[in-house]
Amino acid sequence: MNEFLAKPVRKQQMVEAIVRVLDASAVSASCGVLPEWDVPGLSSDRGKPIHDPVLDTVVFEALVSEIGSDGTRETIGVFLQETESRIKRLRRLSNTAERQRIVTEAHTLKGASASLGLRELSGLARILEADATEAPESSVQRNIDSVAQAFARARETIAADPRMVA
């Protein structure tokens, strides 16, 4: 497959991309030409303050429609457990020797939270990921604290919404 899908990947987008690739492959085989693909560039908002809502309801509703209410609640349960552990791990890693592991943890948290529509948490994890390798340790620790606070707000939002809890 020679197609680009941005995270979080949605089922409908993936099916459409596969159909485009299969259709393009059929055309290419019959015409002897390869299709050209537009790959959107990624822009970094590094350094910009986050003013995102805790929850993007459009993303959340799309997730519910794709995997159902039970699947969503189960996914959220796993996310909450893993994120709690991840934040504890980030606090232990906040030293210069383990900056790449901080990047990896922040990257994973960024994608997982974006998939659930937790925009604020995802945005702060993105900043932590971008700054972890070069920022002073005190800045990295402040970023980890901000991520932990955003996770607490996300947890409160999840607990207050009956669609999200079992």
Protein backbone atom coordinates (compact mmCIF):
# COMPACT_ATOMS: atom_id res chain seq x y z
CA MET A 1 0.00 0.00 0.00
CA ASN A 2 1.33 3.41 -0.93
CA GLU A 3 -1.11 5.64 0.93
CA PHE A 4 -0.86 7.97 3.94
CA LEU A 5 -3.27 7.85 6.87
CA ALA A 6 -2.77 10.12 9.87
CA LYS A 7 -3.27 8.83 13.38
CA PRO A 8 -5.73 8.16 14.80
CA VAL A 9 -6.65 5.84 11.96
CA ARG A 10 -10.39 5.48 11.47
CA LYS A 11 -11.97 2.40 9.95
CA GLN A 12 -13.80 4.30 7.21
CA GLN A 13 -10.66 6.22 6.21
CA MET A 14 -8.68 2.99 6.05
CA VAL A 15 -11.28 1.25 3.89
CA GLU A 16 -11.38 4.26 1.53
CA ALA A 17 -7.58 4.29 1.30
CA ILE A 18 -7.45 0.58 0.54
CA VAL A 19 -10.08 0.97 -2.17
CA ARG A 20 -8.12 3.87 -3.70
CA VAL A 21 -4.94 1.81 -3.72
CA LEU A 22 -6.67 -1.23 -5.19
CA ASP A 23 -8.36 0.92 -7.86
CA ALA A 24 -5.06 2.67 -8.62
CA SER A 25 -3.27 -0.67 -8.81
CA ALA A 26 -5.78 -1.91 -11.37
CA VAL A 27 -5.35 1.27 -13.42
CA SER A 28 -1.57 1.07 -13.12
CA ALA A 29 -1.50 -2.54 -14.23
CA SER A 30 -3.59 -1.82 -17.27
CA CYS A 31 -1.81 1.44 -18.21
CA GLY A 32 1.71 0.66 -17.08
CA VAL A 33 1.95 3.82 -14.92
CA LEU A 34 2.28 4.32 -11.21
CA PRO A 35 -0.07 6.71 -9.43
CA GLU A 36 1.29 9.75 -7.61
CA TRP A 37 0.15 10.35 -4.07
CA ASP A 38 -0.23 13.59 -2.19
CA VAL A 39 1.24 13.13 1.25
CA PRO A 40 0.25 15.94 3.56
CA GLY A 41 3.15 17.55 5.40
CA LEU A 42 3.24 17.47 9.13
CA SER A 43 3.56 20.77 10.91
CA SER A 44 4.84 21.18 14.43
CA ASP A 45 3.11 23.49 16.86
CA ARG A 46 6.02 23.18 19.26
CA GLY A 47 6.12 25.99 21.72
CA LYS A 48 2.54 27.10 21.20
CA PRO A 49 0.34 27.01 24.28
CA ILE A 50 -2.34 24.36 24.42
CA HIS A 51 -5.90 25.68 24.65
CA ASP A 52 -7.61 22.50 23.56
CA PRO A 53 -10.75 21.23 25.20
CA VAL A 54 -10.31 18.18 27.40
CA LEU A 55 -12.50 16.10 25.08
CA ASP A 56 -13.17 16.42 21.36
CA THR A 57 -16.71 15.06 21.20
CA VAL A 58 -16.59 14.60 17.42
CA VAL A 59 -13.62 12.23 17.70
CA PHE A 60 -15.19 10.46 20.65
CA GLU A 61 -18.53 9.97 18.86
CA ALA A 62 -16.70 8.62 15.80
CA LEU A 63 -14.93 6.10 18.02
CA VAL A 64 -18.24 5.00 19.59
CA SER A 65 -19.79 4.56 16.14
CA GLU A 66 -16.81 2.47 14.98
CA ILE A 67 -16.31 0.13 17.94
CA GLY A 68 -19.59 0.47 19.86
CA SER A 69 -20.31 1.55 23.41
CA ASP A 70 -18.96 -1.58 25.06
CA GLY A 71 -15.76 -1.48 23.01
CA THR A 72 -15.31 2.20 23.82
CA ARG A 73 -15.76 1.66 27.55
CA GLU A 74 -13.30 -1.25 27.48
CA THR A 75 -10.78 0.81 25.52
CA ILE A 76 -11.12 3.70 27.97
CA GLY A 77 -10.58 1.34 30.91
CA VAL A 78 -7.35 0.04 29.40
CA PHE A 79 -6.26 3.58 28.51
CA LEU A 80 -6.79 4.81 32.09
CA GLN A 81 -4.76 1.95 33.58
CA GLU A 82 -1.93 2.25 31.07
CA THR A 83 -1.78 6.04 31.32
CA GLU A 84 -1.58 5.98 35.09
CA SER A 85 1.41 3.61 34.80
CA ARG A 86 2.89 5.66 31.98
CA ILE A 87 2.84 8.87 34.01
CA LYS A 88 4.51 7.13 36.95
CA ARG A 89 7.15 5.86 34.53
CA LEU A 90 7.64 9.35 33.08
CA ARG A 91 8.26 10.75 36.56
CA ARG A 92 10.93 8.09 37.18
CA LEU A 93 12.56 8.82 33.81
CA SER A 94 12.87 12.56 34.19
CA ASN A 95 16.63 12.73 34.01
CA THR A 96 19.03 13.45 31.19
CA ALA A 97 20.20 9.85 30.72
CA GLU A 98 16.78 8.54 29.74
CA ARG A 99 15.41 11.28 27.52
CA GLN A 100 14.74 8.97 24.55
CA ARG A 101 12.50 6.80 26.73
CA ILE A 102 10.59 9.94 27.72
CA VAL A 103 10.11 10.69 24.02
CA THR A 104 8.79 7.17 23.41
CA GLU A 105 6.38 7.29 26.36
CA ALA A 106 5.13 10.77 25.36
CA HIS A 107 4.66 9.65 21.74
CA THR A 108 2.60 6.64 22.82
CA LEU A 109 0.48 8.78 25.15
CA LYS A 110 -0.03 11.37 22.43
CA GLY A 111 -1.47 8.82 20.01
CA ALA A 112 -3.56 6.91 22.53
CA SER A 113 -5.18 10.03 23.93
CA ALA A 114 -5.83 11.47 20.45
CA SER A 115 -7.60 8.24 19.48
CA LEU A 116 -10.07 8.80 22.33
CA GLY A 117 -10.54 12.49 21.55
CA LEU A 118 -8.60 13.66 24.62
CA ARG A 119 -7.17 16.70 22.83
CA GLU A 120 -5.65 18.57 25.75
CA LEU A 121 -3.74 15.52 26.97
CA SER A 122 -2.62 14.64 23.45
CA GLY A 123 -1.40 18.19 22.84
CA LEU A 124 0.60 18.32 26.06
CA ALA A 125 2.09 14.89 25.35
CA ARG A 126 3.11 16.22 21.90
CA ILE A 127 4.94 19.13 23.56
CA LEU A 128 6.67 16.77 26.00
CA GLU A 129 7.72 14.53 23.12
CA ALA A 130 9.11 17.46 21.13
CA ASP A 131 11.00 19.05 24.02
CA ALA A 132 12.23 16.00 25.93
CA THR A 133 15.59 15.57 24.21
CA GLU A 134 16.85 19.15 24.42
CA ALA A 135 14.97 21.00 27.17
CA PRO A 136 16.49 21.45 30.63
CA GLU A 137 15.46 18.82 33.15
CA SER A 138 13.32 21.35 35.05
CA SER A 139 11.32 22.08 31.87
CA VAL A 140 10.86 18.39 31.17
CA GLN A 141 9.61 17.91 34.73
CA ARG A 142 7.14 20.82 34.32
CA ASN A 143 5.92 19.26 31.06
CA ILE A 144 5.43 15.92 32.81
CA ASP A 145 3.51 17.71 35.58
CA SER A 146 1.31 19.38 32.93
CA VAL A 147 0.63 16.00 31.32
CA ALA A 148 -0.29 14.53 34.72
CA GLN A 149 -2.67 17.42 35.42
CA ALA A 150 -4.29 17.05 32.00
CA PHE A 151 -4.70 13.33 32.65
CA ALA A 152 -6.46 14.14 35.94
CA ARG A 153 -8.86 16.45 34.05
CA ALA A 154 -9.40 13.77 31.40
CA ARG A 155 -10.15 11.21 34.12
CA GLU A 156 -12.71 13.61 35.67
CA THR A 157 -14.33 14.17 32.27
CA ILE A 158 -14.50 10.43 31.66
CA ALA A 159 -15.96 9.73 35.13
CA ALA A 160 -18.68 12.37 34.59
CA ASP A 161 -19.84 10.93 31.26
CA PRO A 162 -21.97 7.77 31.54
CA ARG A 163 -21.09 6.79 27.94
CA MET A 164 -17.47 6.38 29.02
CA VAL A 165 -17.66 4.35 32.19
CA ALA A 166 -18.76 0.77 32.71
